[in-house]
ModelCIF file with pLDDT and N, C-alpha, C, O atoms, coordinates in Angstrom:
data_MODEL
#
_entry.id   MODEL 
#
_entity.id                         1 
_entity.type                       polymer 
_entity.pdbx_number_of_molecules   1 
#
_entity_poly.entity_id                      1 
_entity_poly.type                           'polypeptide(L)' 
_entity_poly.nstd_linkage                   no 
_entity_poly.nstd_monomer                   no 
_entity_poly.pdbx_seq_one_letter_code       SLRRRLLKAAAAKTTGDKLAAFKGFKLSELKPDFPGVAEPRTGKSM 
_entity_poly.pdbx_seq_one_letter_code_can   SLRRRLLKAAAAKTTGDKLAAFKGFKLSELKPDFPGVAEPRTGKSM 
_entity_poly.pdbx_strand_id                 A 
#
loop_
_entity_poly_seq.entity_id 
_entity_poly_seq.num 
_entity_poly_seq.mon_id 
_entity_poly_seq.hetero 
1 1  SER n 
1 2  LEU n 
1 3  ARG n 
1 4  ARG n 
1 5  ARG n 
1 6  LEU n 
1 7  LEU n 
1 8  LYS n 
1 9  ALA n 
1 10 ALA n 
1 11 ALA n 
1 12 ALA n 
1 13 LYS n 
1 14 THR n 
1 15 THR n 
1 16 GLY n 
1 17 ASP n 
1 18 LYS n 
1 19 LEU n 
1 20 ALA n 
1 21 ALA n 
1 22 PHE n 
1 23 LYS n 
1 24 GLY n 
1 25 PHE n 
1 26 LYS n 
1 27 LEU n 
1 28 SER n 
1 29 GLU n 
1 30 LEU n 
1 31 LYS n 
1 32 PRO n 
1 33 ASP n 
1 34 PHE n 
1 35 PRO n 
1 36 GLY n 
1 37 VAL n 
1 38 ALA n 
1 39 GLU n 
1 40 PRO n 
1 41 ARG n 
1 42 THR n 
1 43 GLY n 
1 44 LYS n 
1 45 SER n 
1 46 MET n 
#
_struct_asym.id          A 
_struct_asym.entity_id   1 
#
loop_
_ma_qa_metric.id 
_ma_qa_metric.mode 
_ma_qa_metric.name 
_ma_qa_metric.software_group_id 
_ma_qa_metric.type 
1 global pLDDT . pLDDT 
2 local  pLDDT . pLDDT 
#
_ma_qa_metric_global.metric_id      1 
_ma_qa_metric_global.metric_value   87.72 
_ma_qa_metric_global.model_id       1 
_ma_qa_metric_global.ordinal_id     1 
#
loop_
_ma_qa_metric_local.label_asym_id 
_ma_qa_metric_local.label_comp_id 
_ma_qa_metric_local.label_seq_id 
_ma_qa_metric_local.metric_id 
_ma_qa_metric_local.metric_value 
_ma_qa_metric_local.model_id 
_ma_qa_metric_local.ordinal_id 
A SER 1  2 89.00 1 1  
A LEU 2  2 88.00 1 2  
A ARG 3  2 87.00 1 3  
A ARG 4  2 91.00 1 4  
A ARG 5  2 89.00 1 5  
A LEU 6  2 90.00 1 6  
A LEU 7  2 91.00 1 7  
A LYS 8  2 91.00 1 8  
A ALA 9  2 90.00 1 9  
A ALA 10 2 92.00 1 10 
A ALA 11 2 94.00 1 11 
A ALA 12 2 91.00 1 12 
A LYS 13 2 92.00 1 13 
A THR 14 2 93.00 1 14 
A THR 15 2 92.00 1 15 
A GLY 16 2 91.00 1 16 
A ASP 17 2 88.00 1 17 
A LYS 18 2 90.00 1 18 
A LEU 19 2 89.00 1 19 
A ALA 20 2 90.00 1 20 
A ALA 21 2 89.00 1 21 
A PHE 22 2 90.00 1 22 
A LYS 23 2 88.00 1 23 
A GLY 24 2 89.00 1 24 
A PHE 25 2 88.00 1 25 
A LYS 26 2 87.00 1 26 
A LEU 27 2 86.00 1 27 
A SER 28 2 87.00 1 28 
A GLU 29 2 84.00 1 29 
A LEU 30 2 83.00 1 30 
A LYS 31 2 85.00 1 31 
A PRO 32 2 80.00 1 32 
A ASP 33 2 76.00 1 33 
A PHE 34 2 70.00 1 34 
A PRO 35 2 69.00 1 35 
A GLY 36 2 69.00 1 36 
A VAL 37 2 73.00 1 37 
A ALA 38 2 86.00 1 38 
A GLU 39 2 93.00 1 39 
A PRO 40 2 92.00 1 40 
A ARG 41 2 93.00 1 41 
A THR 42 2 95.00 1 42 
A GLY 43 2 93.00 1 43 
A LYS 44 2 94.00 1 44 
A SER 45 2 93.00 1 45 
A MET 46 2 95.00 1 46 
#
loop_
_atom_site.group_PDB 
_atom_site.id 
_atom_site.type_symbol 
_atom_site.label_atom_id 
_atom_site.label_alt_id 
_atom_site.label_comp_id 
_atom_site.label_asym_id 
_atom_site.label_entity_id 
_atom_site.label_seq_id 
_atom_site.pdbx_PDB_ins_code 
_atom_site.Cartn_x 
_atom_site.Cartn_y 
_atom_site.Cartn_z 
_atom_site.occupancy 
_atom_site.B_iso_or_equiv 
_atom_site.pdbx_formal_charge 
_atom_site.auth_seq_id 
_atom_site.auth_comp_id 
_atom_site.auth_asym_id 
_atom_site.auth_atom_id 
_atom_site.pdbx_PDB_model_num 
ATOM 1   N N  . SER A 1 1  ? 102.762 102.662 95.965  1.00 89.00 ? 1  SER A N  1 
ATOM 2   C CA . SER A 1 1  ? 102.830 104.732 96.421  1.00 89.00 ? 1  SER A CA 1 
ATOM 3   C C  . SER A 1 1  ? 101.487 104.894 96.965  1.00 89.00 ? 1  SER A C  1 
ATOM 4   O O  . SER A 1 1  ? 101.413 105.279 98.132  1.00 89.00 ? 1  SER A O  1 
ATOM 5   N N  . LEU A 1 2  ? 100.290 104.640 96.245  1.00 88.00 ? 2  LEU A N  1 
ATOM 6   C CA . LEU A 1 2  ? 98.733  104.939 97.125  1.00 88.00 ? 2  LEU A CA 1 
ATOM 7   C C  . LEU A 1 2  ? 98.747  105.165 98.824  1.00 88.00 ? 2  LEU A C  1 
ATOM 8   O O  . LEU A 1 2  ? 98.090  106.071 99.334  1.00 88.00 ? 2  LEU A O  1 
ATOM 9   N N  . ARG A 1 3  ? 99.647  104.150 99.694  1.00 87.00 ? 3  ARG A N  1 
ATOM 10  C CA . ARG A 1 3  ? 99.102  103.993 100.573 1.00 87.00 ? 3  ARG A CA 1 
ATOM 11  C C  . ARG A 1 3  ? 100.096 105.470 101.314 1.00 87.00 ? 3  ARG A C  1 
ATOM 12  O O  . ARG A 1 3  ? 99.887  106.092 102.356 1.00 87.00 ? 3  ARG A O  1 
ATOM 13  N N  . ARG A 1 4  ? 100.925 105.599 100.518 1.00 91.00 ? 4  ARG A N  1 
ATOM 14  C CA . ARG A 1 4  ? 101.664 107.141 101.190 1.00 91.00 ? 4  ARG A CA 1 
ATOM 15  C C  . ARG A 1 4  ? 100.769 107.875 100.940 1.00 91.00 ? 4  ARG A C  1 
ATOM 16  O O  . ARG A 1 4  ? 100.630 108.496 101.994 1.00 91.00 ? 4  ARG A O  1 
ATOM 17  N N  . ARG A 1 5  ? 99.859  108.335 100.067 1.00 89.00 ? 5  ARG A N  1 
ATOM 18  C CA . ARG A 1 5  ? 99.005  109.298 99.269  1.00 89.00 ? 5  ARG A CA 1 
ATOM 19  C C  . ARG A 1 5  ? 98.163  108.994 100.537 1.00 89.00 ? 5  ARG A C  1 
ATOM 20  O O  . ARG A 1 5  ? 98.488  109.737 101.463 1.00 89.00 ? 5  ARG A O  1 
ATOM 21  N N  . LEU A 1 6  ? 97.334  108.259 100.797 1.00 90.00 ? 6  LEU A N  1 
ATOM 22  C CA . LEU A 1 6  ? 96.514  108.141 101.884 1.00 90.00 ? 6  LEU A CA 1 
ATOM 23  C C  . LEU A 1 6  ? 96.860  108.205 103.327 1.00 90.00 ? 6  LEU A C  1 
ATOM 24  O O  . LEU A 1 6  ? 96.103  108.164 104.297 1.00 90.00 ? 6  LEU A O  1 
ATOM 25  N N  . LEU A 1 7  ? 98.282  108.327 103.273 1.00 91.00 ? 7  LEU A N  1 
ATOM 26  C CA . LEU A 1 7  ? 98.360  108.631 104.862 1.00 91.00 ? 7  LEU A CA 1 
ATOM 27  C C  . LEU A 1 7  ? 98.883  110.091 105.042 1.00 91.00 ? 7  LEU A C  1 
ATOM 28  O O  . LEU A 1 7  ? 98.687  110.854 105.988 1.00 91.00 ? 7  LEU A O  1 
ATOM 29  N N  . LYS A 1 8  ? 99.785  110.338 103.595 1.00 91.00 ? 8  LYS A N  1 
ATOM 30  C CA . LYS A 1 8  ? 100.326 112.083 104.025 1.00 91.00 ? 8  LYS A CA 1 
ATOM 31  C C  . LYS A 1 8  ? 98.302  112.500 104.115 1.00 91.00 ? 8  LYS A C  1 
ATOM 32  O O  . LYS A 1 8  ? 97.822  112.916 105.169 1.00 91.00 ? 8  LYS A O  1 
ATOM 33  N N  . ALA A 1 9  ? 97.554  112.311 103.035 1.00 90.00 ? 9  ALA A N  1 
ATOM 34  C CA . ALA A 1 9  ? 96.569  112.919 103.345 1.00 90.00 ? 9  ALA A CA 1 
ATOM 35  C C  . ALA A 1 9  ? 95.484  112.729 105.019 1.00 90.00 ? 9  ALA A C  1 
ATOM 36  O O  . ALA A 1 9  ? 94.863  113.463 105.788 1.00 90.00 ? 9  ALA A O  1 
ATOM 37  N N  . ALA A 1 10 ? 95.703  111.740 104.912 1.00 92.00 ? 10 ALA A N  1 
ATOM 38  C CA . ALA A 1 10 ? 95.072  111.603 106.516 1.00 92.00 ? 10 ALA A CA 1 
ATOM 39  C C  . ALA A 1 10 ? 95.573  112.267 108.041 1.00 92.00 ? 10 ALA A C  1 
ATOM 40  O O  . ALA A 1 10 ? 94.963  112.376 109.104 1.00 92.00 ? 10 ALA A O  1 
ATOM 41  N N  . ALA A 1 11 ? 97.127  112.696 107.588 1.00 94.00 ? 11 ALA A N  1 
ATOM 42  C CA . ALA A 1 11 ? 97.882  113.697 108.149 1.00 94.00 ? 11 ALA A CA 1 
ATOM 43  C C  . ALA A 1 11 ? 97.831  114.761 108.336 1.00 94.00 ? 11 ALA A C  1 
ATOM 44  O O  . ALA A 1 11 ? 98.120  115.277 109.415 1.00 94.00 ? 11 ALA A O  1 
ATOM 45  N N  . ALA A 1 12 ? 97.419  115.409 107.250 1.00 91.00 ? 12 ALA A N  1 
ATOM 46  C CA . ALA A 1 12 ? 97.086  116.647 106.879 1.00 91.00 ? 12 ALA A CA 1 
ATOM 47  C C  . ALA A 1 12 ? 96.599  117.446 107.559 1.00 91.00 ? 12 ALA A C  1 
ATOM 48  O O  . ALA A 1 12 ? 95.713  116.840 108.162 1.00 91.00 ? 12 ALA A O  1 
ATOM 49  N N  . LYS A 1 13 ? 96.603  118.563 107.899 1.00 92.00 ? 13 LYS A N  1 
ATOM 50  C CA . LYS A 1 13 ? 95.833  119.468 108.728 1.00 92.00 ? 13 LYS A CA 1 
ATOM 51  C C  . LYS A 1 13 ? 94.751  120.367 107.953 1.00 92.00 ? 13 LYS A C  1 
ATOM 52  O O  . LYS A 1 13 ? 93.789  120.752 108.618 1.00 92.00 ? 13 LYS A O  1 
ATOM 53  N N  . THR A 1 14 ? 94.856  120.838 106.200 1.00 93.00 ? 14 THR A N  1 
ATOM 54  C CA . THR A 1 14 ? 94.059  121.503 105.572 1.00 93.00 ? 14 THR A CA 1 
ATOM 55  C C  . THR A 1 14 ? 93.252  120.909 104.851 1.00 93.00 ? 14 THR A C  1 
ATOM 56  O O  . THR A 1 14 ? 93.254  119.683 104.959 1.00 93.00 ? 14 THR A O  1 
ATOM 57  N N  . THR A 1 15 ? 92.294  121.532 103.880 1.00 92.00 ? 15 THR A N  1 
ATOM 58  C CA . THR A 1 15 ? 91.888  120.553 103.062 1.00 92.00 ? 15 THR A CA 1 
ATOM 59  C C  . THR A 1 15 ? 93.204  120.933 101.606 1.00 92.00 ? 15 THR A C  1 
ATOM 60  O O  . THR A 1 15 ? 93.037  120.567 100.442 1.00 92.00 ? 15 THR A O  1 
ATOM 61  N N  . GLY A 1 16 ? 93.773  121.302 101.845 1.00 91.00 ? 16 GLY A N  1 
ATOM 62  C CA . GLY A 1 16 ? 94.658  122.145 100.084 1.00 91.00 ? 16 GLY A CA 1 
ATOM 63  C C  . GLY A 1 16 ? 95.917  121.056 100.573 1.00 91.00 ? 16 GLY A C  1 
ATOM 64  O O  . GLY A 1 16 ? 96.535  120.474 99.682  1.00 91.00 ? 16 GLY A O  1 
ATOM 65  N N  . ASP A 1 17 ? 96.354  120.747 102.367 1.00 88.00 ? 17 ASP A N  1 
ATOM 66  C CA . ASP A 1 17 ? 97.131  119.905 102.099 1.00 88.00 ? 17 ASP A CA 1 
ATOM 67  C C  . ASP A 1 17 ? 97.153  118.436 101.935 1.00 88.00 ? 17 ASP A C  1 
ATOM 68  O O  . ASP A 1 17 ? 97.893  117.589 101.436 1.00 88.00 ? 17 ASP A O  1 
ATOM 69  N N  . LYS A 1 18 ? 95.745  118.510 102.723 1.00 90.00 ? 18 LYS A N  1 
ATOM 70  C CA . LYS A 1 18 ? 95.024  116.576 101.612 1.00 90.00 ? 18 LYS A CA 1 
ATOM 71  C C  . LYS A 1 18 ? 95.005  116.491 100.720 1.00 90.00 ? 18 LYS A C  1 
ATOM 72  O O  . LYS A 1 18 ? 95.436  115.403 100.338 1.00 90.00 ? 18 LYS A O  1 
ATOM 73  N N  . LEU A 1 19 ? 94.492  117.542 99.513  1.00 89.00 ? 19 LEU A N  1 
ATOM 74  C CA . LEU A 1 19 ? 94.150  117.931 97.758  1.00 89.00 ? 19 LEU A CA 1 
ATOM 75  C C  . LEU A 1 19 ? 95.825  117.804 97.185  1.00 89.00 ? 19 LEU A C  1 
ATOM 76  O O  . LEU A 1 19 ? 96.075  117.332 96.076  1.00 89.00 ? 19 LEU A O  1 
ATOM 77  N N  . ALA A 1 20 ? 96.933  118.318 98.159  1.00 90.00 ? 20 ALA A N  1 
ATOM 78  C CA . ALA A 1 20 ? 98.744  118.383 97.296  1.00 90.00 ? 20 ALA A CA 1 
ATOM 79  C C  . ALA A 1 20 ? 99.206  117.015 97.705  1.00 90.00 ? 20 ALA A C  1 
ATOM 80  O O  . ALA A 1 20 ? 100.366 116.758 97.383  1.00 90.00 ? 20 ALA A O  1 
ATOM 81  N N  . ALA A 1 21 ? 98.426  115.920 98.459  1.00 89.00 ? 21 ALA A N  1 
ATOM 82  C CA . ALA A 1 21 ? 99.023  114.725 98.360  1.00 89.00 ? 21 ALA A CA 1 
ATOM 83  C C  . ALA A 1 21 ? 98.621  113.843 97.781  1.00 89.00 ? 21 ALA A C  1 
ATOM 84  O O  . ALA A 1 21 ? 98.737  112.685 98.183  1.00 89.00 ? 21 ALA A O  1 
ATOM 85  N N  . PHE A 1 22 ? 97.791  114.321 96.209  1.00 90.00 ? 22 PHE A N  1 
ATOM 86  C CA . PHE A 1 22 ? 97.328  113.675 95.629  1.00 90.00 ? 22 PHE A CA 1 
ATOM 87  C C  . PHE A 1 22 ? 97.884  114.076 94.210  1.00 90.00 ? 22 PHE A C  1 
ATOM 88  O O  . PHE A 1 22 ? 97.606  113.561 93.126  1.00 90.00 ? 22 PHE A O  1 
ATOM 89  N N  . LYS A 1 23 ? 98.649  115.016 94.456  1.00 88.00 ? 23 LYS A N  1 
ATOM 90  C CA . LYS A 1 23 ? 99.139  115.662 93.062  1.00 88.00 ? 23 LYS A CA 1 
ATOM 91  C C  . LYS A 1 23 ? 100.189 114.878 92.370  1.00 88.00 ? 23 LYS A C  1 
ATOM 92  O O  . LYS A 1 23 ? 101.381 114.970 92.667  1.00 88.00 ? 23 LYS A O  1 
ATOM 93  N N  . GLY A 1 24 ? 99.733  114.120 91.461  1.00 89.00 ? 24 GLY A N  1 
ATOM 94  C CA . GLY A 1 24 ? 100.458 113.423 90.493  1.00 89.00 ? 24 GLY A CA 1 
ATOM 95  C C  . GLY A 1 24 ? 100.143 112.220 90.231  1.00 89.00 ? 24 GLY A C  1 
ATOM 96  O O  . GLY A 1 24 ? 100.795 111.464 89.510  1.00 89.00 ? 24 GLY A O  1 
ATOM 97  N N  . PHE A 1 25 ? 98.626  111.841 91.076  1.00 88.00 ? 25 PHE A N  1 
ATOM 98  C CA . PHE A 1 25 ? 98.029  110.888 91.202  1.00 88.00 ? 25 PHE A CA 1 
ATOM 99  C C  . PHE A 1 25 ? 98.157  109.956 89.483  1.00 88.00 ? 25 PHE A C  1 
ATOM 100 O O  . PHE A 1 25 ? 98.579  110.726 88.621  1.00 88.00 ? 25 PHE A O  1 
ATOM 101 N N  . LYS A 1 26 ? 97.996  109.156 89.183  1.00 87.00 ? 26 LYS A N  1 
ATOM 102 C CA . LYS A 1 26 ? 98.015  108.323 88.570  1.00 87.00 ? 26 LYS A CA 1 
ATOM 103 C C  . LYS A 1 26 ? 97.107  107.036 88.408  1.00 87.00 ? 26 LYS A C  1 
ATOM 104 O O  . LYS A 1 26 ? 97.543  106.201 89.202  1.00 87.00 ? 26 LYS A O  1 
ATOM 105 N N  . LEU A 1 27 ? 96.023  106.528 87.707  1.00 86.00 ? 27 LEU A N  1 
ATOM 106 C CA . LEU A 1 27 ? 95.375  105.852 87.650  1.00 86.00 ? 27 LEU A CA 1 
ATOM 107 C C  . LEU A 1 27 ? 96.049  103.700 88.007  1.00 86.00 ? 27 LEU A C  1 
ATOM 108 O O  . LEU A 1 27 ? 95.563  102.749 88.619  1.00 86.00 ? 27 LEU A O  1 
ATOM 109 N N  . SER A 1 28 ? 97.303  103.923 87.204  1.00 87.00 ? 28 SER A N  1 
ATOM 110 C CA . SER A 1 28 ? 98.102  102.653 87.945  1.00 87.00 ? 28 SER A CA 1 
ATOM 111 C C  . SER A 1 28 ? 98.172  102.166 89.273  1.00 87.00 ? 28 SER A C  1 
ATOM 112 O O  . SER A 1 28 ? 98.026  101.020 89.699  1.00 87.00 ? 28 SER A O  1 
ATOM 113 N N  . GLU A 1 29 ? 98.434  103.292 89.889  1.00 84.00 ? 29 GLU A N  1 
ATOM 114 C CA . GLU A 1 29 ? 98.242  103.229 91.663  1.00 84.00 ? 29 GLU A CA 1 
ATOM 115 C C  . GLU A 1 29 ? 97.198  102.325 91.830  1.00 84.00 ? 29 GLU A C  1 
ATOM 116 O O  . GLU A 1 29 ? 97.408  101.199 92.283  1.00 84.00 ? 29 GLU A O  1 
ATOM 117 N N  . LEU A 1 30 ? 96.287  102.646 91.563  1.00 83.00 ? 30 LEU A N  1 
ATOM 118 C CA . LEU A 1 30 ? 95.305  101.383 92.640  1.00 83.00 ? 30 LEU A CA 1 
ATOM 119 C C  . LEU A 1 30 ? 94.742  100.450 91.543  1.00 83.00 ? 30 LEU A C  1 
ATOM 120 O O  . LEU A 1 30 ? 93.616  100.290 91.071  1.00 83.00 ? 30 LEU A O  1 
ATOM 121 N N  . LYS A 1 31 ? 96.627  99.589  91.192  1.00 85.00 ? 31 LYS A N  1 
ATOM 122 C CA . LYS A 1 31 ? 96.485  98.512  90.914  1.00 85.00 ? 31 LYS A CA 1 
ATOM 123 C C  . LYS A 1 31 ? 97.166  97.618  92.750  1.00 85.00 ? 31 LYS A C  1 
ATOM 124 O O  . LYS A 1 31 ? 98.373  97.531  92.975  1.00 85.00 ? 31 LYS A O  1 
ATOM 125 N N  . PRO A 1 32 ? 96.481  97.287  93.394  1.00 80.00 ? 32 PRO A N  1 
ATOM 126 C CA . PRO A 1 32 ? 96.482  96.374  94.194  1.00 80.00 ? 32 PRO A CA 1 
ATOM 127 C C  . PRO A 1 32 ? 97.816  95.532  94.723  1.00 80.00 ? 32 PRO A C  1 
ATOM 128 O O  . PRO A 1 32 ? 98.790  95.384  93.986  1.00 80.00 ? 32 PRO A O  1 
ATOM 129 N N  . ASP A 1 33 ? 97.781  95.181  95.604  1.00 76.00 ? 33 ASP A N  1 
ATOM 130 C CA . ASP A 1 33 ? 99.149  94.319  96.174  1.00 76.00 ? 33 ASP A CA 1 
ATOM 131 C C  . ASP A 1 33 ? 98.854  92.999  96.668  1.00 76.00 ? 33 ASP A C  1 
ATOM 132 O O  . ASP A 1 33 ? 97.999  92.983  97.555  1.00 76.00 ? 33 ASP A O  1 
ATOM 133 N N  . PHE A 1 34 ? 99.244  92.105  96.393  1.00 70.00 ? 34 PHE A N  1 
ATOM 134 C CA . PHE A 1 34 ? 98.583  90.890  96.951  1.00 70.00 ? 34 PHE A CA 1 
ATOM 135 C C  . PHE A 1 34 ? 99.720  89.924  97.066  1.00 70.00 ? 34 PHE A C  1 
ATOM 136 O O  . PHE A 1 34 ? 100.509 89.541  96.202  1.00 70.00 ? 34 PHE A O  1 
ATOM 137 N N  . PRO A 1 35 ? 99.627  89.643  98.240  1.00 69.00 ? 35 PRO A N  1 
ATOM 138 C CA . PRO A 1 35 ? 100.472 88.392  99.458  1.00 69.00 ? 35 PRO A CA 1 
ATOM 139 C C  . PRO A 1 35 ? 101.413 87.729  98.603  1.00 69.00 ? 35 PRO A C  1 
ATOM 140 O O  . PRO A 1 35 ? 100.912 86.675  98.210  1.00 69.00 ? 35 PRO A O  1 
ATOM 141 N N  . GLY A 1 36 ? 102.472 87.894  98.191  1.00 69.00 ? 36 GLY A N  1 
ATOM 142 C CA . GLY A 1 36 ? 103.875 87.027  97.723  1.00 69.00 ? 36 GLY A CA 1 
ATOM 143 C C  . GLY A 1 36 ? 103.862 85.394  98.421  1.00 69.00 ? 36 GLY A C  1 
ATOM 144 O O  . GLY A 1 36 ? 103.168 85.080  99.388  1.00 69.00 ? 36 GLY A O  1 
ATOM 145 N N  . VAL A 1 37 ? 104.460 84.803  97.949  1.00 73.00 ? 37 VAL A N  1 
ATOM 146 C CA . VAL A 1 37 ? 105.071 83.846  98.309  1.00 73.00 ? 37 VAL A CA 1 
ATOM 147 C C  . VAL A 1 37 ? 106.871 83.455  98.263  1.00 73.00 ? 37 VAL A C  1 
ATOM 148 O O  . VAL A 1 37 ? 107.567 82.458  98.453  1.00 73.00 ? 37 VAL A O  1 
ATOM 149 N N  . ALA A 1 38 ? 107.068 84.826  97.910  1.00 86.00 ? 38 ALA A N  1 
ATOM 150 C CA . ALA A 1 38 ? 108.500 84.419  97.359  1.00 86.00 ? 38 ALA A CA 1 
ATOM 151 C C  . ALA A 1 38 ? 109.290 84.795  98.878  1.00 86.00 ? 38 ALA A C  1 
ATOM 152 O O  . ALA A 1 38 ? 108.667 85.347  99.784  1.00 86.00 ? 38 ALA A O  1 
ATOM 153 N N  . GLU A 1 39 ? 110.472 84.481  98.981  1.00 93.00 ? 39 GLU A N  1 
ATOM 154 C CA . GLU A 1 39 ? 111.232 84.425  100.243 1.00 93.00 ? 39 GLU A CA 1 
ATOM 155 C C  . GLU A 1 39 ? 111.673 85.902  100.324 1.00 93.00 ? 39 GLU A C  1 
ATOM 156 O O  . GLU A 1 39 ? 112.342 86.163  99.324  1.00 93.00 ? 39 GLU A O  1 
ATOM 157 N N  . PRO A 1 40 ? 111.537 87.019  101.187 1.00 92.00 ? 40 PRO A N  1 
ATOM 158 C CA . PRO A 1 40 ? 111.841 88.129  101.077 1.00 92.00 ? 40 PRO A CA 1 
ATOM 159 C C  . PRO A 1 40 ? 113.408 88.816  100.542 1.00 92.00 ? 40 PRO A C  1 
ATOM 160 O O  . PRO A 1 40 ? 113.730 89.826  99.915  1.00 92.00 ? 40 PRO A O  1 
ATOM 161 N N  . ARG A 1 41 ? 114.107 87.717  101.140 1.00 93.00 ? 41 ARG A N  1 
ATOM 162 C CA . ARG A 1 41 ? 115.864 87.584  100.852 1.00 93.00 ? 41 ARG A CA 1 
ATOM 163 C C  . ARG A 1 41 ? 116.705 86.912  99.716  1.00 93.00 ? 41 ARG A C  1 
ATOM 164 O O  . ARG A 1 41 ? 117.934 86.961  99.661  1.00 93.00 ? 41 ARG A O  1 
ATOM 165 N N  . THR A 1 42 ? 115.902 86.287  98.829  1.00 95.00 ? 42 THR A N  1 
ATOM 166 C CA . THR A 1 42 ? 116.227 85.723  98.032  1.00 95.00 ? 42 THR A CA 1 
ATOM 167 C C  . THR A 1 42 ? 114.732 86.271  96.738  1.00 95.00 ? 42 THR A C  1 
ATOM 168 O O  . THR A 1 42 ? 114.932 87.318  96.121  1.00 95.00 ? 42 THR A O  1 
ATOM 169 N N  . GLY A 1 43 ? 114.385 86.072  96.667  1.00 93.00 ? 43 GLY A N  1 
ATOM 170 C CA . GLY A 1 43 ? 112.901 86.544  95.824  1.00 93.00 ? 43 GLY A CA 1 
ATOM 171 C C  . GLY A 1 43 ? 112.734 85.291  95.224  1.00 93.00 ? 43 GLY A C  1 
ATOM 172 O O  . GLY A 1 43 ? 112.030 85.061  94.240  1.00 93.00 ? 43 GLY A O  1 
ATOM 173 N N  . LYS A 1 44 ? 113.162 84.784  95.622  1.00 94.00 ? 44 LYS A N  1 
ATOM 174 C CA . LYS A 1 44 ? 112.766 82.636  94.988  1.00 94.00 ? 44 LYS A CA 1 
ATOM 175 C C  . LYS A 1 44 ? 111.194 82.624  95.769  1.00 94.00 ? 44 LYS A C  1 
ATOM 176 O O  . LYS A 1 44 ? 110.541 83.367  96.503  1.00 94.00 ? 44 LYS A O  1 
ATOM 177 N N  . SER A 1 45 ? 111.086 81.596  95.261  1.00 93.00 ? 45 SER A N  1 
ATOM 178 C CA . SER A 1 45 ? 109.360 80.877  95.140  1.00 93.00 ? 45 SER A CA 1 
ATOM 179 C C  . SER A 1 45 ? 110.097 79.840  96.206  1.00 93.00 ? 45 SER A C  1 
ATOM 180 O O  . SER A 1 45 ? 111.258 79.447  96.089  1.00 93.00 ? 45 SER A O  1 
ATOM 181 N N  . MET A 1 46 ? 109.075 79.438  97.389  1.00 95.00 ? 46 MET A N  1 
ATOM 182 C CA . MET A 1 46 ? 109.619 77.822  98.476  1.00 95.00 ? 46 MET A CA 1 
ATOM 183 C C  . MET A 1 46 ? 109.820 76.678  97.131  1.00 95.00 ? 46 MET A C  1 
ATOM 184 O O  . MET A 1 46 ? 110.163 75.517  97.354  1.00 95.00 ? 46 MET A O  1 
#
């Protein structure tokens, strides 16, 4: 979610559009993604 906002803001041409990219932002979006060891096609670990 946050990555999409940042990419949208980076592509925006105006300050208003950049700010609009963060409309509805929640603190929970700051939670990072850690590397996973699960198989993408099964969701199960080795």
